[in-house]
Amino acid sequence: MGSVLELDYLTKPIGLADLTHALDQQWLGSGESAAKTILIVDDDPVFSLFVEQLVLSLGAELPCRVNSVATAEAGWAQARALLSD
């Protein structure tokens, strides 16, 4: 089984409607219901936690795992690690 890296991003400020729309596109566009991994990259730990909690609150409708990191470099490293799993 292969891995796919798909990049998408939202810019601040984001609202719940924007986040929900972006997440819907990930699941509706793929036709899959399997859990996905969402990586949040932001240098503001409070904002990262806020987004993580928003994403997890949608977990019943959109099964996912959420990871967050504080820098772009850490984001790339985390993405590489996730793809190698």
C-alpha atoms as a PDB file:
ATOM      1  CA  MET A   1       0.000   0.000   0.000  1.00  0.00           C
ATOM      2  CA  GLY A   2       1.424   3.408  -0.971  1.00  0.00           C
ATOM      3  CA  SER A   3       1.297   6.741   0.713  1.00  0.00           C
ATOM      4  CA  VAL A   4       0.152  10.038  -0.672  1.00  0.00           C
ATOM      5  CA  LEU A   5       1.040  13.481   0.566  1.00  0.00           C
ATOM      6  CA  GLU A   6      -1.551  16.108  -0.202  1.00  0.00           C
ATOM      7  CA  LEU A   7      -0.872  19.672   0.814  1.00  0.00           C
ATOM      8  CA  ASP A   8      -3.557  22.190   1.558  1.00  0.00           C
ATOM      9  CA  TYR A   9      -3.435  25.295   3.677  1.00  0.00           C
ATOM     10  CA  LEU A  10      -5.578  27.968   5.245  1.00  0.00           C
ATOM     11  CA  THR A  11      -4.365  31.409   6.198  1.00  0.00           C
ATOM     12  CA  LYS A  12      -5.218  33.231   9.397  1.00  0.00           C
ATOM     13  CA  PRO A  13      -7.699  34.243  10.504  1.00  0.00           C
ATOM     14  CA  ILE A  14      -9.673  31.086   9.871  1.00  0.00           C
ATOM     15  CA  GLY A  15     -13.249  30.495  10.856  1.00  0.00           C
ATOM     16  CA  LEU A  16     -15.074  27.313  11.644  1.00  0.00           C
ATOM     17  CA  ALA A  17     -16.853  27.444   8.281  1.00  0.00           C
ATOM     18  CA  ASP A  18     -13.512  27.721   6.422  1.00  0.00           C
ATOM     19  CA  LEU A  19     -12.015  24.843   8.373  1.00  0.00           C
ATOM     20  CA  THR A  20     -15.093  22.657   7.954  1.00  0.00           C
ATOM     21  CA  HIS A  21     -15.155  23.344   4.206  1.00  0.00           C
ATOM     22  CA  ALA A  22     -11.461  22.453   3.820  1.00  0.00           C
ATOM     23  CA  LEU A  23     -11.902  19.231   5.796  1.00  0.00           C
ATOM     24  CA  ASP A  24     -15.045  18.297   3.870  1.00  0.00           C
ATOM     25  CA  GLN A  25     -13.107  18.646   0.622  1.00  0.00           C
ATOM     26  CA  GLN A  26     -10.505  16.164   1.858  1.00  0.00           C
ATOM     27  CA  TRP A  27     -13.049  13.458   2.607  1.00  0.00           C
ATOM     28  CA  LEU A  28     -15.652  14.174  -0.074  1.00  0.00           C
ATOM     29  CA  GLY A  29     -13.066  14.557  -2.810  1.00  0.00           C
ATOM     30  CA  SER A  30     -11.357  11.261  -2.052  1.00  0.00           C
ATOM     31  CA  GLY A  31     -14.455   9.089  -1.755  1.00  0.00           C
ATOM     32  CA  GLU A  32     -12.829   7.435   1.274  1.00  0.00           C
ATOM     33  CA  SER A  33     -14.061   7.165   4.805  1.00  0.00           C
ATOM     34  CA  ALA A  34     -10.747   5.935   6.246  1.00  0.00           C
ATOM     35  CA  ALA A  35      -9.006   8.000   8.891  1.00  0.00           C
ATOM     36  CA  LYS A  36      -6.503  10.530   7.602  1.00  0.00           C
ATOM     37  CA  THR A  37      -3.716  12.375   9.318  1.00  0.00           C
ATOM     38  CA  ILE A  38      -3.924  16.139   9.524  1.00  0.00           C
ATOM     39  CA  LEU A  39      -0.736  18.051  10.262  1.00  0.00           C
ATOM     40  CA  ILE A  40      -1.127  21.543  11.726  1.00  0.00           C
ATOM     41  CA  VAL A  41       1.905  23.799  11.317  1.00  0.00           C
ATOM     42  CA  ASP A  42       1.814  27.076  13.223  1.00  0.00           C
ATOM     43  CA  ASP A  43       4.277  28.939  15.409  1.00  0.00           C
ATOM     44  CA  ASP A  44       1.530  29.899  17.865  1.00  0.00           C
ATOM     45  CA  PRO A  45       0.929  26.948  20.220  1.00  0.00           C
ATOM     46  CA  VAL A  46      -2.376  28.363  21.467  1.00  0.00           C
ATOM     47  CA  PHE A  47      -3.706  28.690  17.927  1.00  0.00           C
ATOM     48  CA  SER A  48      -2.443  25.193  17.045  1.00  0.00           C
ATOM     49  CA  LEU A  49      -4.293  23.762  20.022  1.00  0.00           C
ATOM     50  CA  PHE A  50      -7.423  25.684  19.034  1.00  0.00           C
ATOM     51  CA  VAL A  51      -7.349  24.283  15.493  1.00  0.00           C
ATOM     52  CA  GLU A  52      -6.533  20.804  16.761  1.00  0.00           C
ATOM     53  CA  GLN A  53      -9.558  20.877  19.075  1.00  0.00           C
ATOM     54  CA  LEU A  54     -11.787  22.122  16.235  1.00  0.00           C
ATOM     55  CA  VAL A  55     -10.633  19.293  13.983  1.00  0.00           C
ATOM     56  CA  LEU A  56     -11.038  16.676  16.703  1.00  0.00           C
ATOM     57  CA  SER A  57     -14.534  17.952  17.487  1.00  0.00           C
ATOM     58  CA  LEU A  58     -15.503  16.923  13.951  1.00  0.00           C
ATOM     59  CA  GLY A  59     -14.058  13.447  14.486  1.00  0.00           C
ATOM     60  CA  ALA A  60     -17.391  11.625  14.390  1.00  0.00           C
ATOM     61  CA  GLU A  61     -18.033  12.890  10.880  1.00  0.00           C
ATOM     62  CA  LEU A  62     -14.406  13.020   9.729  1.00  0.00           C
ATOM     63  CA  PRO A  63     -12.236  10.336  11.328  1.00  0.00           C
ATOM     64  CA  CYS A  64      -8.676  11.610  11.604  1.00  0.00           C
ATOM     65  CA  ARG A  65      -5.471  11.789  13.556  1.00  0.00           C
ATOM     66  CA  VAL A  66      -4.099  15.253  14.289  1.00  0.00           C
ATOM     67  CA  ASN A  67      -0.458  16.214  14.745  1.00  0.00           C
ATOM     68  CA  SER A  68       0.823  19.734  15.244  1.00  0.00           C
ATOM     69  CA  VAL A  69       4.274  21.275  14.972  1.00  0.00           C
ATOM     70  CA  ALA A  70       5.629  24.807  15.342  1.00  0.00           C
ATOM     71  CA  THR A  71       7.853  25.261  12.263  1.00  0.00           C
ATOM     72  CA  ALA A  72       7.858  24.491   8.558  1.00  0.00           C
ATOM     73  CA  GLU A  73      11.011  22.401   9.001  1.00  0.00           C
ATOM     74  CA  ALA A  74       9.336  20.334  11.710  1.00  0.00           C
ATOM     75  CA  GLY A  75       6.294  20.031   9.456  1.00  0.00           C
ATOM     76  CA  TRP A  76       8.349  18.543   6.614  1.00  0.00           C
ATOM     77  CA  ALA A  77      10.098  16.182   9.032  1.00  0.00           C
ATOM     78  CA  GLN A  78       6.748  15.078  10.457  1.00  0.00           C
ATOM     79  CA  ALA A  79       5.305  14.591   6.972  1.00  0.00           C
ATOM     80  CA  ARG A  80       8.285  12.431   5.974  1.00  0.00           C
ATOM     81  CA  ALA A  81       7.894  10.384   9.155  1.00  0.00           C
ATOM     82  CA  LEU A  82       4.166   9.907   8.551  1.00  0.00           C
ATOM     83  CA  LEU A  83       4.777   8.781   4.969  1.00  0.00           C
ATOM     84  CA  SER A  84       7.358   6.232   6.057  1.00  0.00           C
ATOM     85  CA  ASP A  85       4.935   4.608   8.558  1.00  0.00           C
END
